[in-house]
Protein backbone atom coordinates (compact mmCIF):
# COMPACT_ATOMS: atom_id res chain seq x y z
CA UNK A 1 26.08 132.49 42.16
CA UNK A 2 24.64 129.93 43.76
CA UNK A 3 23.57 128.87 40.03
CA UNK A 4 27.18 129.41 38.72
CA UNK A 5 28.38 127.12 41.75
CA UNK A 6 25.76 124.34 40.71
CA UNK A 7 26.61 124.38 37.14
CA UNK A 8 29.55 122.29 37.46
CA UNK A 9 28.09 119.74 39.50
CA UNK A 10 25.03 119.33 37.55
CA UNK A 11 27.68 118.69 34.45
CA UNK A 12 29.49 116.30 36.42
CA UNK A 13 26.33 114.65 37.13
CA UNK A 14 25.39 114.56 33.42
CA UNK A 15 28.81 113.40 32.67
CA UNK A 16 28.53 110.59 35.20
CA UNK A 17 25.06 109.73 34.15
CA UNK A 18 26.18 109.78 30.20
CA UNK A 19 29.37 107.39 31.32
CA UNK A 20 27.16 105.39 33.47
CA UNK A 21 24.67 104.99 30.57
CA UNK A 22 27.37 104.28 28.37
CA UNK A 23 29.03 101.95 30.65
CA UNK A 24 25.39 99.96 31.16
CA UNK A 25 25.34 99.74 27.44
CA UNK A 26 28.48 98.28 27.14
CA UNK A 27 27.94 95.50 30.03
CA UNK A 28 24.23 95.15 28.66
CA UNK A 29 25.90 94.80 25.13
CA UNK A 30 28.47 92.25 26.44
CA UNK A 31 25.74 90.41 28.05
CA UNK A 32 23.59 90.41 25.05
CA UNK A 33 26.65 88.81 23.39
CA UNK A 34 26.62 86.33 25.78
CA UNK A 35 23.43 85.55 25.58
CA UNK A 36 23.23 85.35 21.68
CA UNK A 37 26.23 82.83 21.92
CA UNK A 38 24.84 80.77 24.34
CA UNK A 39 21.49 80.88 22.48
CA UNK A 40 23.30 79.62 19.43
CA UNK A 41 25.40 77.15 21.51
CA UNK A 42 21.49 75.99 22.83
CA UNK A 43 20.47 75.93 19.17
CA UNK A 44 23.17 73.83 18.15
CA UNK A 45 22.88 71.41 20.85
CA UNK A 46 18.88 71.35 19.82
CA UNK A 47 19.97 70.52 16.83
CA UNK A 48 22.58 67.65 17.63
CA UNK A 49 19.61 66.56 19.94
CA UNK A 50 17.12 66.59 17.05
CA UNK A 51 19.73 64.77 14.68
CA UNK A 52 20.27 62.38 17.46
CA UNK A 53 16.55 61.91 18.20
CA UNK A 54 16.19 60.98 14.52
CA UNK A 55 18.73 58.85 14.12
CA UNK A 56 17.28 56.81 17.40
CA UNK A 57 13.83 56.70 15.78
CA UNK A 58 15.40 55.30 12.70
CA UNK A 59 17.39 52.95 14.65
CA UNK A 60 14.73 51.71 16.65
CA UNK A 61 12.51 51.56 13.31
CA UNK A 62 15.21 49.29 11.96
CA UNK A 63 15.35 47.15 15.19
CA UNK A 64 12.03 46.40 14.86
CA UNK A 65 12.07 45.68 11.31
CA UNK A 66 15.15 43.81 11.99
CA UNK A 67 13.26 41.83 14.95
CA UNK A 68 10.45 41.19 12.23
CA UNK A 69 13.12 39.77 10.01
CA UNK A 70 14.59 37.61 12.90
CA UNK A 71 11.44 36.32 14.20
CA UNK A 72 11.03 33.11 11.62
CA UNK A 73 14.86 32.62 11.97
CA UNK A 74 14.23 32.56 15.92
CA UNK A 75 11.44 30.17 15.27
CA UNK A 76 13.39 27.74 12.80
CA UNK A 77 16.00 27.70 15.43
CA UNK A 78 13.53 26.91 18.14
CA UNK A 79 11.77 24.14 15.65
CA UNK A 80 15.21 22.35 14.83
CA UNK A 81 16.13 22.81 18.49
CA UNK A 82 12.97 20.32 19.29
CA UNK A 83 13.72 18.14 16.48
CA UNK A 84 17.16 17.56 17.49
CA UNK A 85 15.86 17.02 21.01
CA UNK A 86 13.45 14.37 19.69
CA UNK A 87 16.10 12.87 16.92
CA UNK A 88 18.21 12.66 20.19
CA UNK A 89 16.03 11.03 22.08
CA UNK A 90 14.98 8.67 19.16
CA UNK A 91 18.50 7.84 18.93
CA UNK A 92 18.72 6.84 22.82
CA UNK A 93 15.72 4.29 22.08
CA UNK A 94 17.34 3.27 18.45
CA UNK A 95 20.64 2.39 20.19
CA UNK A 96 18.91 0.66 23.26
CA UNK A 97 17.05 -1.32 20.76
CA UNK A 98 20.22 -1.73 18.38
CA UNK A 99 22.07 -2.65 21.28
CA UNK A 100 19.75 -5.52 22.33
CA UNK A 101 19.14 -6.47 18.94
CA UNK A 102 23.25 -6.89 18.11
CA UNK A 103 22.85 -9.03 21.39
CA UNK A 104 20.10 -11.23 19.94
CA UNK A 105 22.28 -11.68 16.74
CA UNK A 106 25.44 -12.50 18.54
CA UNK A 107 23.68 -15.06 20.82
CA UNK A 108 22.03 -16.53 17.10
CA UNK A 109 25.48 -16.50 15.82
CA UNK A 110 27.03 -18.21 18.74
CA UNK A 111 24.23 -20.84 18.42
CA UNK A 112 24.86 -20.87 14.50
CA UNK A 113 28.17 -21.56 15.06
CA UNK A 114 27.40 -24.13 17.69
CA UNK A 115 25.14 -25.94 15.18
CA UNK A 116 27.55 -25.68 12.48
CA UNK A 117 30.42 -26.78 14.53
CA UNK A 118 28.15 -30.09 15.22
CA UNK A 119 27.28 -30.41 11.73
CA UNK A 120 31.04 -30.36 10.77
CA UNK A 121 31.52 -32.89 13.48
CA UNK A 122 28.58 -35.14 12.63
CA UNK A 123 29.58 -34.95 8.94
CA UNK A 124 33.28 -35.81 9.40
CA UNK A 125 31.94 -39.71 9.85
CA UNK A 126 31.25 -41.16 6.74
CA UNK A 127 28.35 -43.05 7.80
CA UNK A 128 26.77 -40.08 9.21
CA UNK A 129 27.13 -38.35 5.58
CA UNK A 130 25.76 -41.54 4.29
CA UNK A 131 22.58 -41.62 6.42
CA UNK A 132 22.33 -37.76 5.71
CA UNK A 133 22.21 -38.31 1.99
CA UNK A 134 19.39 -40.87 2.20
CA UNK A 135 17.37 -38.55 4.23
CA UNK A 136 17.49 -35.89 1.50
CA UNK A 137 16.96 -38.72 -1.18
CA UNK A 138 13.82 -39.78 0.64
CA UNK A 139 12.73 -36.13 1.60
CA UNK A 140 12.73 -35.62 -2.44
CA UNK A 141 10.68 -38.89 -3.15
CA UNK A 142 7.98 -37.98 -0.57
CA UNK A 143 8.23 -34.34 -2.20
CA UNK A 144 7.41 -35.96 -5.69
CA UNK A 145 4.47 -37.50 -4.43
CA UNK A 146 6.01 -40.82 -4.64
CA UNK A 147 4.84 -44.11 -2.70
CA UNK A 148 7.43 -46.51 -1.21
CA UNK A 149 6.43 -49.76 -1.95
CA UNK A 150 4.17 -48.63 -5.03
CA UNK A 151 6.57 -46.20 -6.93
CA UNK A 152 9.97 -47.02 -5.09
CA UNK A 153 11.85 -49.31 -2.78
CA UNK A 154 14.45 -49.21 -0.72
CA UNK A 155 17.48 -51.06 -0.07
CA UNK A 156 16.22 -53.68 -2.70
CA UNK A 157 18.83 -56.63 -2.49
CA UNK A 158 20.15 -57.89 -5.96
CA UNK A 159 23.02 -60.04 -6.93
CA UNK A 160 26.05 -58.11 -8.91
CA UNK A 161 29.59 -59.13 -9.49
CA UNK A 162 30.90 -58.43 -6.19
CA UNK A 163 28.06 -60.40 -4.29
CA UNK A 164 24.68 -58.90 -3.07
CA UNK A 165 24.39 -55.31 -3.50
CA UNK A 166 21.56 -52.98 -2.42
CA UNK A 167 21.29 -49.61 -4.07
CA UNK A 168 19.69 -46.87 -1.91
CA UNK A 169 16.42 -46.48 -3.77
CA UNK A 170 15.10 -48.49 -6.76
CA UNK A 171 12.44 -46.08 -8.46
CA UNK A 172 9.70 -48.07 -10.32
CA UNK A 173 8.85 -46.82 -13.57
CA UNK A 174 5.50 -46.94 -15.08
CA UNK A 175 4.64 -49.47 -17.58
CA UNK A 176 7.75 -51.81 -16.08
CA UNK A 177 11.38 -50.88 -15.68
CA UNK A 178 13.11 -49.23 -13.02
CA UNK A 179 16.16 -46.72 -12.06
CA UNK A 180 18.44 -47.37 -9.77
CA UNK A 181 19.65 -44.72 -7.47
CA UNK A 182 22.74 -44.59 -4.83
CA UNK A 183 23.65 -41.18 -2.55
CA UNK A 184 27.11 -40.40 -2.60
CA UNK A 185 28.42 -37.60 -0.13
CA UNK A 186 32.27 -36.77 -1.07
CA UNK A 187 32.66 -33.65 1.55
CA UNK A 188 36.34 -33.96 3.38
CA UNK A 189 38.44 -32.09 0.73
CA UNK A 190 35.39 -30.18 0.18
CA UNK A 191 34.65 -28.97 3.59
CA UNK A 192 38.55 -28.43 3.83
CA UNK A 193 38.83 -26.12 0.94
CA UNK A 194 36.00 -24.17 1.76
CA UNK A 195 37.66 -23.30 5.22
CA UNK A 196 40.76 -22.25 3.91
CA UNK A 197 41.97 -18.74 2.99
CA UNK A 198 45.02 -19.84 0.90
CA UNK A 199 44.21 -19.70 -2.57
CA UNK A 200 46.46 -22.43 -3.89
CA UNK A 201 45.62 -24.75 -1.20
CA UNK A 202 41.69 -24.01 -2.05
CA UNK A 203 42.64 -25.10 -5.62
CA UNK A 204 44.16 -28.00 -4.59
CA UNK A 205 41.68 -29.27 -2.22
CA UNK A 206 39.03 -28.39 -5.20
CA UNK A 207 40.82 -30.86 -7.23
CA UNK A 208 41.27 -33.23 -4.88
CA UNK A 209 37.32 -33.20 -4.44
CA UNK A 210 36.92 -33.62 -8.16
CA UNK A 211 39.12 -36.48 -7.72
CA UNK A 212 36.91 -37.86 -4.41
CA UNK A 213 33.80 -37.49 -6.98
CA UNK A 214 35.40 -39.47 -9.95
CA UNK A 215 36.41 -42.03 -7.47
CA UNK A 216 32.74 -42.80 -6.45
CA UNK A 217 31.76 -42.63 -10.01
CA UNK A 218 34.36 -45.46 -10.55
CA UNK A 219 32.81 -47.08 -7.53
CA UNK A 220 29.15 -47.17 -8.36
CA UNK A 221 30.16 -48.40 -12.50
CA UNK A 222 32.01 -51.31 -11.10
CA UNK A 223 28.40 -52.25 -9.21
CA UNK A 224 27.08 -52.53 -12.96
CA UNK A 225 23.58 -51.56 -11.79
CA UNK A 226 23.12 -50.48 -15.60
CA UNK A 227 23.22 -54.10 -16.77
CA UNK A 228 19.89 -54.99 -15.23
CA UNK A 229 17.57 -56.20 -18.03
CA UNK A 230 14.64 -53.73 -16.80
CA UNK A 231 16.97 -50.78 -16.10
CA UNK A 232 17.50 -48.09 -18.36
CA UNK A 233 21.51 -47.87 -19.76
CA UNK A 234 22.44 -45.68 -16.14
CA UNK A 235 22.53 -45.66 -13.09
CA UNK A 236 21.77 -42.50 -10.82
CA UNK A 237 24.65 -41.09 -8.69
CA UNK A 238 22.82 -38.84 -6.22
CA UNK A 239 24.66 -35.79 -4.91
CA UNK A 240 22.93 -34.06 -1.90
CA UNK A 241 24.68 -30.87 -2.05
CA UNK A 242 24.35 -28.38 -5.29
CA UNK A 243 28.02 -27.08 -4.38
CA UNK A 244 29.48 -30.70 -4.33
CA UNK A 245 28.89 -31.26 -8.05
CA UNK A 246 29.55 -27.34 -9.17
CA UNK A 247 32.78 -27.65 -7.25
CA UNK A 248 33.85 -30.77 -8.84
CA UNK A 249 32.78 -29.47 -12.38
CA UNK A 250 35.02 -26.16 -11.84
CA UNK A 251 37.88 -28.26 -10.86
CA UNK A 252 37.29 -30.88 -13.43
CA UNK A 253 35.70 -29.34 -16.87
CA UNK A 254 35.17 -33.24 -17.89
CA UNK A 255 33.87 -34.59 -14.81
CA UNK A 256 30.17 -35.41 -16.34
CA UNK A 257 31.78 -36.66 -19.69
CA UNK A 258 33.53 -39.46 -17.63
CA UNK A 259 30.50 -40.15 -15.40
CA UNK A 260 28.55 -40.58 -18.85
CA UNK A 261 31.35 -43.07 -20.50
CA UNK A 262 30.53 -45.14 -17.26
CA UNK A 263 26.87 -44.79 -17.53
CA UNK A 264 26.72 -43.09 -14.22
CA UNK A 265 24.27 -39.99 -14.18
CA UNK A 266 25.32 -37.32 -11.64
CA UNK A 267 21.91 -35.78 -9.97
CA UNK A 268 21.49 -32.83 -7.24
CA UNK A 269 18.49 -31.99 -5.31
CA UNK A 270 17.62 -30.04 -8.19
CA UNK A 271 17.83 -32.45 -10.99
CA UNK A 272 16.57 -35.30 -8.60
CA UNK A 273 13.27 -33.39 -7.90
CA UNK A 274 12.85 -33.12 -11.92
CA UNK A 275 13.06 -36.54 -12.63
CA UNK A 276 11.08 -37.86 -10.08
CA UNK A 277 8.31 -35.48 -10.66
CA UNK A 278 8.68 -36.70 -14.64
CA UNK A 279 8.43 -40.24 -13.22
CA UNK A 280 5.38 -39.23 -11.08
CA UNK A 281 3.71 -37.47 -14.20
CA UNK A 282 4.28 -40.85 -16.08
CA UNK A 283 2.34 -42.99 -13.32
CA UNK A 284 -0.38 -40.29 -13.57
CA UNK A 285 -0.86 -40.94 -17.35
CA UNK A 286 -0.36 -44.67 -16.74
CA UNK A 287 -3.46 -44.24 -14.41
CA UNK A 288 -5.74 -42.26 -16.61
CA UNK A 289 -4.79 -45.04 -19.44
CA UNK A 290 -5.97 -48.04 -17.19
CA UNK A 291 -9.13 -46.37 -15.99
CA UNK A 292 -10.00 -45.44 -19.89
CA UNK A 293 -11.55 -48.89 -20.66
CA UNK A 294 -13.30 -49.15 -17.26
CA UNK A 295 -14.47 -45.64 -17.49
CA UNK A 296 -15.68 -46.73 -21.22
CA UNK A 297 -17.72 -49.81 -19.91
CA UNK A 298 -18.91 -47.91 -17.07
CA UNK A 299 -19.97 -45.30 -19.54
CA UNK A 300 -21.73 -47.70 -21.81
CA UNK A 301 -23.74 -49.43 -18.91
CA UNK A 302 -25.07 -45.97 -17.96
CA UNK A 303 -26.19 -45.33 -21.44
CA UNK A 304 -27.86 -48.75 -21.48
CA UNK A 305 -29.95 -47.78 -18.44
CA UNK A 306 -30.54 -44.36 -19.59
CA UNK A 307 -31.90 -46.47 -22.76
CA UNK A 308 -34.33 -48.62 -20.04
CA UNK A 309 -35.43 -45.68 -18.09
CA UNK A 310 -36.24 -43.77 -21.82
CA UNK A 311 -38.54 -46.84 -22.69
CA UNK A 312 -40.20 -46.85 -19.52
CA UNK A 313 -40.95 -43.08 -19.89
CA UNK A 314 -42.16 -43.88 -23.15
CA UNK A 315 -44.68 -46.42 -21.94
CA UNK A 316 -45.98 -43.66 -19.35
CA UNK A 317 -46.04 -41.36 -22.27
CA UNK A 318 -48.23 -44.09 -24.02
CA UNK A 319 -50.28 -44.45 -20.94
CA UNK A 320 -50.97 -40.87 -20.78
CA UNK A 321 -51.93 -40.74 -24.26
CA UNK A 322 -54.45 -43.34 -23.94
CA UNK A 323 -56.08 -41.87 -21.09
CA UNK A 324 -56.40 -38.52 -22.26
CA UNK A 325 -58.07 -40.27 -25.27
CA UNK A 326 -60.62 -41.76 -23.28
CA UNK A 327 -61.34 -39.20 -21.13
CA UNK A 328 -62.07 -36.99 -24.42
CA UNK A 329 -64.32 -39.67 -25.55
CA UNK A 330 -66.12 -39.81 -21.89
CA UNK A 331 -66.45 -36.16 -21.92
CA UNK A 332 -67.92 -36.51 -25.50
CA UNK A 333 -70.34 -38.78 -24.70
CA UNK A 334 -71.05 -37.30 -21.08
CA UNK A 335 -72.02 -34.23 -23.33
CA UNK A 336 -74.03 -35.61 -25.77
CA UNK A 337 -76.07 -38.18 -23.44
CA UNK A 338 -76.42 -36.50 -19.88
CA UNK A 339 -75.73 -32.61 -20.54
CA UNK A 340 -78.25 -32.52 -23.32
CA UNK A 341 -80.99 -34.03 -21.08
CA UNK A 342 -80.02 -31.94 -18.38
CA UNK A 343 -80.22 -28.81 -20.49
CA UNK A 344 -83.67 -30.01 -21.53
CA UNK A 345 -85.03 -30.52 -17.91
CA UNK A 346 -83.50 -26.84 -16.89
CA UNK A 347 -85.54 -25.67 -19.84
CA UNK A 348 -88.86 -27.49 -18.38
CA UNK A 349 -88.54 -25.41 -15.02
CA UNK A 350 -86.58 -27.70 -13.31
CA UNK A 351 -84.39 -25.87 -10.88
CA UNK A 352 -80.60 -27.26 -10.12
CA UNK A 353 -78.95 -26.69 -6.86
CA UNK A 354 -75.69 -25.72 -8.81
CA UNK A 355 -74.99 -25.19 -12.43
CA UNK A 356 -74.11 -28.05 -14.36
CA UNK A 357 -71.44 -27.24 -16.91
CA UNK A 358 -69.86 -30.39 -19.18
CA UNK A 359 -65.79 -30.62 -18.21
CA UNK A 360 -63.65 -29.48 -21.08
CA UNK A 361 -61.69 -31.75 -23.39
CA UNK A 362 -57.89 -32.00 -23.00
CA UNK A 363 -56.03 -30.56 -25.97
CA UNK A 364 -52.59 -31.18 -24.95
CA UNK A 365 -50.00 -33.10 -27.21
CA UNK A 366 -47.55 -35.04 -25.28
CA UNK A 367 -44.03 -34.99 -26.60
CA UNK A 368 -42.50 -38.18 -27.71
CA UNK A 369 -39.04 -39.59 -27.30
CA UNK A 370 -37.02 -41.95 -29.18
CA UNK A 371 -35.64 -44.37 -27.01
CA UNK A 372 -33.36 -45.76 -30.08
CA UNK A 373 -31.49 -42.46 -29.83
CA UNK A 374 -29.41 -44.12 -27.05
CA UNK A 375 -28.58 -46.98 -28.78
């Protein structure tokens, strides 16, 4: 009866154990499922971390590569910055230097402007212009190597149809003759034309300047300098500025022909210097011609003296020849008369303090010189 009463209890215990085991299995299964889900999530997160890590490593490699590529650029930028700084410093120095130079140029320009105004004011006087033209002419004469009083004279008075005339310079020609030169300086209209900005007014003033030059030509022609019997058939009108002639020729193309018709030759510093140097060359040729006869006479006298010296030398040669012949005769006689006896004494046993040898004959022919070769 006790076993029967315990059977349900055992059955209940077994059923409870089975139910507990089943419930534990369910719980354990659910826990395992949750762990599997968590493990899967962890695997996914780990895979993401691996991918992120690989991406980070790739990014780092790319960054290092980009760093290597950008380093030359950084170096170039740094070099450019240093060059820009140096250029800025040099520009600052250059600007300071340029400022100083500009100030100096302005000062020189002001000085030049002042000097130009003074020159223009001085040239406004006809007397001053004439003196300046004469100074220019004198400078050309000196540059050509001509001497005053020898090759040219200044302000040489001479008669003319209008009384006593004084050309500025009379250039003496080699061999006789003279060239008369008068300096003229028509400047007023030319200076006004240079200073105007109106082309119509400038042309008008240039024509006025050409007319002034022609007026000076007529004035010089009326003095009849070219009528001098020792002068060429012209007189030289010297213009001290090249532009004075070129401007007048631009305004009047027939100006030279008009001057030639009046026996006036227009000359500027360039052509005047060429004329004066040509005259100087003529003086050199004349000097050579004048000295030619004197040189010939001096050469003849020198040759004559050389002939006398050659005659004396020939006399010395003859004297030497006679001396050599006398010496050779003496040596021959000495050898035959004295040396033969001395050898005989030596053979007989007489000893001499030193050896006795006859001197040798001189067998050298003297050169002859013909004194008539210089005659």
